[in-house]
Amino acid sequence: MRSYEVTERGKIVIAVILVLLIFVIPAIIFVAIAGASPPPPPEAPEAPNASSVEPLPIPPEDTSPEVPDRPLPNGSGLTPHDPSNQEPPKNGDDNGDDNGIGNNEPDATDPPPETPAPQPEIEPARLNLNEGTMLFVFSPDSQDAMDDATVSMFGEFISSPRNTTGAMIAIETPNLSNEETVALKSAIADAFSRLGITRGRLVYIQSEAEPGEHSFEVRMSFYLTSSGK
């Protein structure tokens, strides 16, 4: 029978094989078994200890400032609220205004606004050059001077053939008050002065006729005095 002698190299190979058999192969088997088994369920969180939980603070029942029951001293700026002293609104007004301020509806007791009376229309002047006469209407309520159209008629009036040397201008009016007479004379004198006729040639004659409510008619004519004949 032939005998074998193990060399140094062979011893090393045998030692490596034994290490593999003892450590590596069991480790591989353990990893394979662990991978095949299902993972353990996660651990539930630990419930808090009831004794360690702090209770929430209780909210206050009323945070409004406390108002004393007794009256406050003057100048404090606060007045105790008493619902019994509050008066209900009157006349259906939410603001409690007795006069109805804020209500858009008109008061039935208020009288309607007065409509001003219309001013009468001034009739145009009438002129007769041949006879040397002129009629025009004057309204003291709405006039304090002659309008331009009437002044223009005055200019035609003095161009009448009756306006001779020494002729006077007779101005006949109804029975006027002092204020109406002053207003009329001032308006006529101003109109004639613009035409070069002086006040000395104007003679006013007042008839017994009564003037109208708002206006009256004035008649002018030429006449010769005894010195002018």
Protein backbone atom coordinates (compact mmCIF):
# COMPACT_ATOMS: atom_id res chain seq x y z
CA MET A 1 0.00 0.00 0.00
CA ARG A 2 1.31 3.37 -1.05
CA SER A 3 1.48 6.11 1.62
CA TYR A 4 0.81 9.81 1.01
CA GLU A 5 2.51 12.74 2.61
CA VAL A 6 0.69 15.98 3.04
CA THR A 7 2.70 18.98 1.98
CA GLU A 8 2.54 22.49 3.40
CA ARG A 9 0.49 23.66 0.48
CA GLY A 10 -2.02 20.93 0.97
CA LYS A 11 -2.41 21.85 4.60
CA ILE A 12 -3.32 25.37 3.67
CA VAL A 13 -5.93 24.20 1.16
CA ILE A 14 -7.46 21.88 3.73
CA ALA A 15 -7.62 24.69 6.30
CA VAL A 16 -9.40 26.97 3.82
CA ILE A 17 -11.95 24.26 3.04
CA LEU A 18 -12.62 23.68 6.72
CA VAL A 19 -13.17 27.41 7.31
CA LEU A 20 -15.65 27.51 4.46
CA LEU A 21 -17.51 24.55 5.80
CA ILE A 22 -17.62 25.87 9.36
CA PHE A 23 -18.42 29.62 8.86
CA VAL A 24 -19.39 30.57 5.30
CA ILE A 25 -21.83 27.82 4.41
CA PRO A 26 -23.92 28.15 7.64
CA ALA A 27 -24.03 31.93 7.16
CA ILE A 28 -25.35 31.48 3.64
CA ILE A 29 -28.00 29.07 4.87
CA PHE A 30 -29.07 31.50 7.67
CA VAL A 31 -29.40 34.44 5.26
CA ALA A 32 -31.51 32.33 2.90
CA ILE A 33 -33.84 31.29 5.71
CA ALA A 34 -34.16 34.88 6.99
CA GLY A 35 -35.02 36.20 3.54
CA ALA A 36 -37.70 33.56 3.01
CA SER A 37 -39.51 34.27 6.31
CA PRO A 38 -42.05 37.27 6.42
CA PRO A 39 -40.90 40.45 8.20
CA PRO A 40 -42.22 40.94 11.74
CA PRO A 41 -45.10 43.44 12.14
CA PRO A 42 -44.11 46.96 13.20
CA GLU A 43 -44.29 47.65 16.85
CA ALA A 44 -47.28 49.74 17.98
CA PRO A 45 -46.37 53.08 19.53
CA GLU A 46 -46.43 53.10 23.23
CA ALA A 47 -49.61 54.61 24.62
CA PRO A 48 -48.99 57.74 26.65
CA ASN A 49 -49.37 57.48 30.32
CA ALA A 50 -52.63 59.00 31.47
CA SER A 51 -50.94 60.43 34.51
CA SER A 52 -48.40 62.33 32.38
CA VAL A 53 -50.98 64.11 30.11
CA GLU A 54 -51.64 67.71 31.14
CA PRO A 55 -55.30 68.87 30.84
CA LEU A 56 -56.07 71.83 28.56
CA PRO A 57 -56.79 75.14 30.30
CA ILE A 58 -60.48 75.96 30.70
CA PRO A 59 -61.39 79.15 28.74
CA PRO A 60 -62.90 81.96 30.78
CA GLU A 61 -66.68 82.26 30.57
CA ASP A 62 -66.75 86.04 29.94
CA THR A 63 -63.86 88.20 28.70
CA SER A 64 -65.82 91.48 28.73
CA PRO A 65 -64.73 94.07 31.28
CA GLU A 66 -66.61 93.92 34.50
CA VAL A 67 -69.02 96.81 35.00
CA PRO A 68 -69.90 97.62 38.59
CA ASP A 69 -73.54 97.69 39.62
CA ARG A 70 -73.25 101.06 41.37
CA PRO A 71 -72.96 104.32 39.36
CA LEU A 72 -69.44 105.33 38.45
CA PRO A 73 -68.03 108.71 39.42
CA ASN A 74 -68.40 111.58 36.98
CA GLY A 75 -65.75 111.71 34.26
CA SER A 76 -65.01 107.95 34.42
CA GLY A 77 -66.29 107.46 30.87
CA LEU A 78 -68.31 104.34 31.73
CA THR A 79 -72.01 104.05 32.43
CA PRO A 80 -73.59 100.82 33.72
CA HIS A 81 -75.81 99.23 31.11
CA ASP A 82 -79.44 99.03 32.11
CA PRO A 83 -81.71 97.44 29.47
CA SER A 84 -84.81 98.84 31.22
CA ASN A 85 -83.69 102.42 30.47
CA GLN A 86 -83.44 101.87 26.69
CA GLU A 87 -86.35 103.43 24.82
CA PRO A 88 -87.75 101.71 21.73
CA PRO A 89 -87.59 103.62 18.40
CA LYS A 90 -90.54 105.85 17.63
CA ASN A 91 -92.62 106.29 14.46
CA GLY A 92 -91.15 103.16 12.89
CA ASP A 93 -87.71 104.78 12.63
CA ASP A 94 -84.82 102.45 13.35
CA ASN A 95 -82.76 105.38 14.62
CA GLY A 96 -85.45 106.45 17.10
CA ASP A 97 -85.71 109.95 15.65
CA ASP A 98 -88.96 111.66 16.58
CA ASN A 99 -88.69 114.00 13.61
CA GLY A 100 -88.44 111.17 11.11
CA ILE A 101 -84.92 112.15 10.02
CA GLY A 102 -83.49 109.48 7.70
CA ASN A 103 -86.94 108.52 6.37
CA ASN A 104 -86.99 109.18 2.64
CA GLU A 105 -90.78 109.40 2.48
CA PRO A 106 -92.15 112.98 2.47
CA ASP A 107 -94.22 114.13 5.40
CA ALA A 108 -97.88 114.17 4.50
CA THR A 109 -98.41 117.25 6.66
CA ASP A 110 -95.86 119.40 4.81
CA PRO A 111 -97.52 121.82 2.37
CA PRO A 112 -96.49 121.57 -1.28
CA PRO A 113 -93.92 124.13 -2.44
CA GLU A 114 -95.42 127.30 -3.77
CA THR A 115 -95.05 127.88 -7.49
CA PRO A 116 -94.02 131.44 -8.28
CA ALA A 117 -96.53 133.36 -10.29
CA PRO A 118 -95.49 133.79 -13.93
CA GLN A 119 -94.39 137.29 -14.89
CA PRO A 120 -96.64 138.99 -17.43
CA GLU A 121 -95.30 139.44 -20.91
CA ILE A 122 -94.63 143.03 -21.97
CA GLU A 123 -96.65 144.01 -25.01
CA PRO A 124 -94.72 145.62 -27.87
CA ALA A 125 -94.95 149.37 -28.24
CA ARG A 126 -97.30 150.90 -30.83
CA LEU A 127 -96.26 153.97 -32.80
CA ASN A 128 -98.05 156.41 -35.10
CA LEU A 129 -95.56 158.84 -36.62
CA ASN A 130 -98.12 160.92 -38.48
CA GLU A 131 -100.11 161.65 -35.33
CA GLY A 132 -96.99 161.80 -33.19
CA THR A 133 -98.27 159.27 -30.62
CA MET A 134 -96.77 156.23 -28.97
CA LEU A 135 -98.22 153.62 -26.61
CA PHE A 136 -96.13 151.21 -24.54
CA VAL A 137 -96.59 149.02 -21.47
CA PHE A 138 -94.47 149.36 -18.36
CA SER A 139 -94.24 146.81 -15.50
CA PRO A 140 -92.63 148.10 -12.27
CA ASP A 141 -92.52 144.53 -10.89
CA SER A 142 -90.11 143.33 -13.57
CA GLN A 143 -88.66 146.57 -15.02
CA ASP A 144 -86.46 149.32 -13.69
CA ALA A 145 -85.43 150.61 -17.15
CA MET A 146 -86.62 150.56 -20.74
CA ASP A 147 -85.46 147.63 -22.84
CA ASP A 148 -83.47 148.20 -26.02
CA ALA A 149 -86.49 147.60 -28.27
CA THR A 150 -88.54 150.28 -26.49
CA VAL A 151 -85.63 152.74 -26.56
CA SER A 152 -85.37 152.13 -30.31
CA MET A 153 -89.09 152.98 -30.63
CA PHE A 154 -88.44 156.19 -28.67
CA GLY A 155 -85.93 157.10 -31.37
CA GLU A 156 -88.57 156.61 -34.08
CA PHE A 157 -91.10 158.56 -32.01
CA ILE A 158 -88.97 161.75 -31.91
CA SER A 159 -88.55 161.50 -35.69
CA SER A 160 -92.28 162.23 -36.09
CA PRO A 161 -93.17 165.41 -38.04
CA ARG A 162 -95.09 166.48 -34.95
CA ASN A 163 -91.78 166.97 -33.16
CA THR A 164 -91.33 170.57 -34.13
CA THR A 165 -89.35 173.37 -32.51
CA GLY A 166 -90.74 174.12 -29.06
CA ALA A 167 -92.88 170.97 -28.98
CA MET A 168 -93.22 169.27 -25.60
CA ILE A 169 -93.70 165.57 -24.95
CA ALA A 170 -96.82 164.81 -22.92
CA ILE A 171 -96.65 161.53 -20.99
CA GLU A 172 -100.05 160.29 -19.79
CA THR A 173 -100.15 157.62 -17.06
CA PRO A 174 -102.87 156.05 -14.88
CA ASN A 175 -103.24 156.82 -11.18
CA LEU A 176 -99.93 155.42 -9.86
CA SER A 177 -98.44 155.13 -6.43
CA ASN A 178 -95.43 157.23 -5.49
CA GLU A 179 -93.03 154.29 -5.96
CA GLU A 180 -94.46 153.43 -9.38
CA THR A 181 -94.34 157.09 -10.46
CA VAL A 182 -90.68 157.44 -9.45
CA ALA A 183 -89.72 154.21 -11.23
CA LEU A 184 -91.54 155.22 -14.45
CA LYS A 185 -90.15 158.77 -14.59
CA SER A 186 -86.61 157.53 -14.02
CA ALA A 187 -86.89 154.91 -16.79
CA ILE A 188 -88.38 157.39 -19.31
CA ALA A 189 -85.86 160.15 -18.52
CA ASP A 190 -82.93 157.73 -18.91
CA ALA A 191 -84.27 156.46 -22.26
CA PHE A 192 -84.77 160.00 -23.68
CA SER A 193 -81.38 161.18 -22.38
CA ARG A 194 -79.75 158.51 -24.55
CA LEU A 195 -81.51 160.22 -27.51
CA GLY A 196 -80.56 163.78 -26.55
CA ILE A 197 -83.96 164.78 -25.07
CA THR A 198 -83.72 166.65 -21.77
CA ARG A 199 -86.06 166.29 -18.79
CA GLY A 200 -87.33 169.86 -19.38
CA ARG A 201 -89.27 168.72 -22.45
CA LEU A 202 -91.16 165.99 -20.56
CA VAL A 203 -94.57 166.77 -19.07
CA TYR A 204 -96.40 164.12 -17.03
CA ILE A 205 -100.18 163.97 -16.97
CA GLN A 206 -101.98 161.60 -14.57
CA SER A 207 -105.41 160.33 -15.55
CA GLU A 208 -108.09 158.80 -13.32
CA ALA A 209 -107.63 155.32 -14.79
CA GLU A 210 -106.41 152.61 -12.46
CA PRO A 211 -103.30 150.61 -13.42
CA GLY A 212 -103.34 146.86 -13.93
CA GLU A 213 -102.21 144.40 -11.31
CA HIS A 214 -98.70 144.01 -12.71
CA SER A 215 -98.39 146.58 -15.52
CA PHE A 216 -99.99 149.65 -17.03
CA GLU A 217 -100.09 151.49 -20.35
CA VAL A 218 -98.33 154.79 -21.00
CA ARG A 219 -99.31 157.16 -23.82
CA MET A 220 -96.92 159.80 -25.23
CA SER A 221 -97.67 162.58 -27.68
CA PHE A 222 -96.29 165.92 -28.92
CA TYR A 223 -97.98 169.21 -28.20
CA LEU A 224 -97.05 172.89 -28.62
CA THR A 225 -97.13 175.27 -25.71
CA SER A 226 -98.40 178.83 -26.06
CA SER A 227 -94.79 180.09 -26.14
CA GLY A 228 -93.97 177.75 -28.96
CA LYS A 229 -96.74 178.82 -31.25
